[in-house]
């Protein structure tokens, strides 16, 4: 079963060195959206306008497959 990695970039980067075995890229996307929601929720009040939060999903060869990006902007 292929292994996928979920790297978070917000403040100090958190590179996933363990990864997770999943059946395919579709399952990695599904897991990535679940993980992103949980991690972003855990930021509580720490996320501010002008900041970006990013989760990158890579395969075992470190090929970038998907990026989930959240950016905060203040409306003018």
N, C-alpha and C. Protein backbone atom coordinates (compact mmCIF):
# COMPACT_ATOMS: atom_id res chain seq x y z
N UNK A 1 0.86 -1.17 0.00
CA UNK A 1 0.00 0.00 0.00
C UNK A 1 0.90 1.24 0.00
N UNK A 2 0.60 2.24 -0.83
CA UNK A 2 1.43 3.45 -0.90
C UNK A 2 1.38 4.25 0.42
N UNK A 3 2.46 4.98 0.66
CA UNK A 3 2.53 5.84 1.85
C UNK A 3 2.46 7.30 1.40
N UNK A 4 1.67 8.09 2.14
CA UNK A 4 1.48 9.50 1.85
C UNK A 4 1.86 10.32 3.08
N UNK A 5 2.31 11.56 2.83
CA UNK A 5 2.78 12.44 3.89
C UNK A 5 1.99 13.74 3.87
N UNK A 6 1.74 14.28 5.06
CA UNK A 6 0.89 15.47 5.23
C UNK A 6 1.72 16.53 5.96
N UNK A 7 2.27 17.46 5.20
CA UNK A 7 3.18 18.47 5.73
C UNK A 7 2.44 19.78 5.94
N UNK A 8 2.57 20.35 7.13
CA UNK A 8 1.88 21.58 7.48
C UNK A 8 2.87 22.73 7.50
N UNK A 9 2.48 23.84 6.86
CA UNK A 9 3.30 25.05 6.83
C UNK A 9 2.48 26.20 7.42
N UNK A 10 2.84 26.55 8.64
CA UNK A 10 2.22 27.67 9.35
C UNK A 10 3.13 27.97 10.52
N UNK A 11 3.73 29.16 10.54
CA UNK A 11 4.73 29.39 11.56
C UNK A 11 5.87 28.42 11.34
N UNK A 12 6.29 27.73 12.37
CA UNK A 12 7.31 26.70 12.14
C UNK A 12 6.69 25.53 11.37
N UNK A 13 7.37 25.12 10.32
CA UNK A 13 6.84 24.03 9.49
C UNK A 13 6.82 22.72 10.27
N UNK A 14 5.87 21.87 9.93
CA UNK A 14 5.75 20.56 10.54
C UNK A 14 5.78 19.53 9.41
N UNK A 15 6.96 18.99 9.15
CA UNK A 15 7.12 18.01 8.08
C UNK A 15 6.83 16.62 8.64
N UNK A 16 5.93 15.94 7.99
CA UNK A 16 5.51 14.59 8.38
C UNK A 16 6.59 13.59 7.97
N UNK A 17 7.24 12.98 8.95
CA UNK A 17 8.28 12.00 8.64
C UNK A 17 7.78 10.56 8.76
N UNK A 18 6.57 10.39 9.27
CA UNK A 18 6.02 9.04 9.45
C UNK A 18 5.12 8.65 8.28
N UNK A 19 4.21 9.54 7.90
CA UNK A 19 3.29 9.26 6.80
C UNK A 19 2.20 8.29 7.20
N UNK A 20 1.40 7.98 6.21
CA UNK A 20 0.28 7.06 6.44
C UNK A 20 0.07 6.20 5.19
N UNK A 21 -0.10 4.91 5.41
CA UNK A 21 -0.39 3.99 4.30
C UNK A 21 -1.87 4.12 3.93
N UNK A 22 -2.11 4.44 2.66
CA UNK A 22 -3.47 4.58 2.15
C UNK A 22 -3.56 3.92 0.78
N UNK A 23 -4.76 3.50 0.36
CA UNK A 23 -4.89 2.74 -0.89
C UNK A 23 -4.50 3.50 -2.15
N UNK A 24 -4.76 4.82 -2.20
CA UNK A 24 -4.50 5.55 -3.44
C UNK A 24 -4.54 7.06 -3.18
N UNK A 25 -4.31 7.84 -4.24
CA UNK A 25 -4.28 9.30 -4.12
C UNK A 25 -5.63 9.88 -3.69
N UNK A 26 -6.71 9.27 -4.13
CA UNK A 26 -8.05 9.74 -3.73
C UNK A 26 -8.22 9.61 -2.22
N UNK A 27 -7.76 8.51 -1.65
CA UNK A 27 -7.83 8.32 -0.20
C UNK A 27 -6.92 9.31 0.51
N UNK A 28 -5.76 9.63 -0.10
CA UNK A 28 -4.85 10.62 0.49
C UNK A 28 -5.51 12.00 0.51
N UNK A 29 -6.21 12.35 -0.57
CA UNK A 29 -6.93 13.63 -0.61
C UNK A 29 -7.99 13.68 0.49
N UNK A 30 -8.77 12.63 0.60
CA UNK A 30 -9.82 12.57 1.62
C UNK A 30 -9.22 12.71 3.02
N UNK A 31 -8.15 11.99 3.29
CA UNK A 31 -7.49 12.08 4.60
C UNK A 31 -6.90 13.48 4.81
N UNK A 32 -6.34 14.05 3.76
CA UNK A 32 -5.77 15.40 3.85
C UNK A 32 -6.82 16.45 4.21
N UNK A 33 -8.00 16.36 3.62
CA UNK A 33 -9.04 17.34 3.96
C UNK A 33 -9.52 17.15 5.39
N UNK A 34 -9.58 15.92 5.85
CA UNK A 34 -9.97 15.65 7.23
C UNK A 34 -8.93 16.20 8.20
N UNK A 35 -7.66 15.91 7.93
CA UNK A 35 -6.56 16.38 8.77
C UNK A 35 -6.50 17.91 8.77
N UNK A 36 -6.64 18.51 7.59
CA UNK A 36 -6.59 19.97 7.49
C UNK A 36 -7.67 20.61 8.35
N UNK A 37 -8.88 20.09 8.29
CA UNK A 37 -9.98 20.63 9.09
C UNK A 37 -9.69 20.54 10.57
N UNK A 38 -9.19 19.40 11.02
CA UNK A 38 -8.88 19.22 12.44
C UNK A 38 -7.76 20.15 12.89
N UNK A 39 -6.68 20.22 12.11
CA UNK A 39 -5.55 21.04 12.50
C UNK A 39 -5.90 22.52 12.48
N UNK A 40 -6.63 22.95 11.46
CA UNK A 40 -6.99 24.36 11.39
C UNK A 40 -7.91 24.72 12.54
N UNK A 41 -8.81 23.84 12.90
CA UNK A 41 -9.71 24.08 14.02
C UNK A 41 -8.92 24.27 15.32
N UNK A 42 -7.85 23.51 15.47
CA UNK A 42 -7.04 23.58 16.68
C UNK A 42 -6.26 24.88 16.83
N UNK A 43 -6.20 25.71 15.79
CA UNK A 43 -5.51 26.99 15.89
C UNK A 43 -6.25 27.97 16.79
N UNK A 44 -7.52 27.69 17.06
CA UNK A 44 -8.37 28.57 17.88
C UNK A 44 -8.33 29.99 17.34
N UNK A 45 -7.87 30.93 18.15
CA UNK A 45 -7.84 32.34 17.75
C UNK A 45 -6.49 32.77 17.20
N UNK A 46 -5.60 31.82 16.89
CA UNK A 46 -4.25 32.16 16.48
C UNK A 46 -4.10 32.61 15.04
N UNK A 47 -5.08 32.34 14.20
CA UNK A 47 -4.97 32.69 12.78
C UNK A 47 -5.49 34.09 12.57
N UNK A 48 -4.71 34.92 11.90
CA UNK A 48 -5.04 36.34 11.70
C UNK A 48 -5.01 36.71 10.22
N UNK A 49 -5.67 37.83 9.87
CA UNK A 49 -5.57 38.34 8.49
C UNK A 49 -4.10 38.56 8.12
N UNK A 50 -3.77 38.25 6.89
CA UNK A 50 -2.40 38.39 6.41
C UNK A 50 -1.57 37.13 6.59
N UNK A 51 -2.13 36.11 7.22
CA UNK A 51 -1.40 34.86 7.41
C UNK A 51 -1.89 33.81 6.42
N UNK A 52 -1.04 32.81 6.20
CA UNK A 52 -1.41 31.69 5.36
C UNK A 52 -1.13 30.39 6.10
N UNK A 53 -2.02 29.43 5.95
CA UNK A 53 -1.88 28.09 6.50
C UNK A 53 -1.94 27.15 5.31
N UNK A 54 -1.02 26.17 5.27
CA UNK A 54 -0.96 25.29 4.10
C UNK A 54 -0.66 23.86 4.52
N UNK A 55 -1.34 22.92 3.88
CA UNK A 55 -1.07 21.50 4.05
C UNK A 55 -0.71 20.93 2.68
N UNK A 56 0.44 20.31 2.59
CA UNK A 56 0.87 19.69 1.34
C UNK A 56 0.84 18.17 1.50
N UNK A 57 0.30 17.51 0.52
CA UNK A 57 0.22 16.06 0.52
C UNK A 57 1.21 15.55 -0.53
N UNK A 58 2.15 14.70 -0.08
CA UNK A 58 3.14 14.14 -0.99
C UNK A 58 3.09 12.62 -0.95
N UNK A 59 3.67 12.01 -1.99
CA UNK A 59 3.76 10.55 -2.00
C UNK A 59 5.09 10.12 -1.39
N UNK A 60 5.36 8.84 -1.42
CA UNK A 60 6.56 8.28 -0.80
C UNK A 60 7.84 8.82 -1.44
N UNK A 61 7.77 9.21 -2.71
CA UNK A 61 8.93 9.77 -3.42
C UNK A 61 9.02 11.28 -3.22
N UNK A 62 8.20 11.83 -2.33
CA UNK A 62 8.15 13.28 -2.01
C UNK A 62 7.62 14.11 -3.18
N UNK A 63 6.89 13.50 -4.11
CA UNK A 63 6.23 14.24 -5.18
C UNK A 63 5.02 14.94 -4.60
N UNK A 64 4.90 16.23 -4.88
CA UNK A 64 3.76 17.00 -4.41
C UNK A 64 2.51 16.60 -5.19
N UNK A 65 1.47 16.16 -4.47
CA UNK A 65 0.22 15.72 -5.11
C UNK A 65 -0.88 16.76 -4.97
N UNK A 66 -1.05 17.28 -3.76
CA UNK A 66 -2.14 18.22 -3.48
C UNK A 66 -1.66 19.29 -2.51
N UNK A 67 -2.29 20.46 -2.60
CA UNK A 67 -2.04 21.54 -1.65
C UNK A 67 -3.41 22.07 -1.18
N UNK A 68 -3.57 22.16 0.13
CA UNK A 68 -4.75 22.80 0.70
C UNK A 68 -4.24 24.07 1.36
N UNK A 69 -4.73 25.21 0.88
CA UNK A 69 -4.22 26.50 1.32
C UNK A 69 -5.35 27.33 1.89
N UNK A 70 -5.11 27.92 3.05
CA UNK A 70 -6.07 28.85 3.66
C UNK A 70 -5.34 30.15 3.92
N UNK A 71 -5.87 31.24 3.40
CA UNK A 71 -5.24 32.55 3.64
C UNK A 71 -6.28 33.50 4.20
N UNK A 72 -5.83 34.33 5.10
CA UNK A 72 -6.72 35.31 5.72
C UNK A 72 -6.45 36.69 5.14
N UNK A 73 -7.52 37.38 4.77
CA UNK A 73 -7.40 38.74 4.24
C UNK A 73 -8.47 39.60 4.85
N UNK A 74 -8.13 40.84 5.10
CA UNK A 74 -9.13 41.79 5.59
C UNK A 74 -9.75 42.49 4.39
N UNK A 75 -11.08 42.50 4.32
CA UNK A 75 -11.76 43.16 3.22
C UNK A 75 -11.55 44.67 3.33
N UNK A 76 -11.44 45.30 2.18
CA UNK A 76 -11.23 46.75 2.16
C UNK A 76 -12.54 47.49 2.14
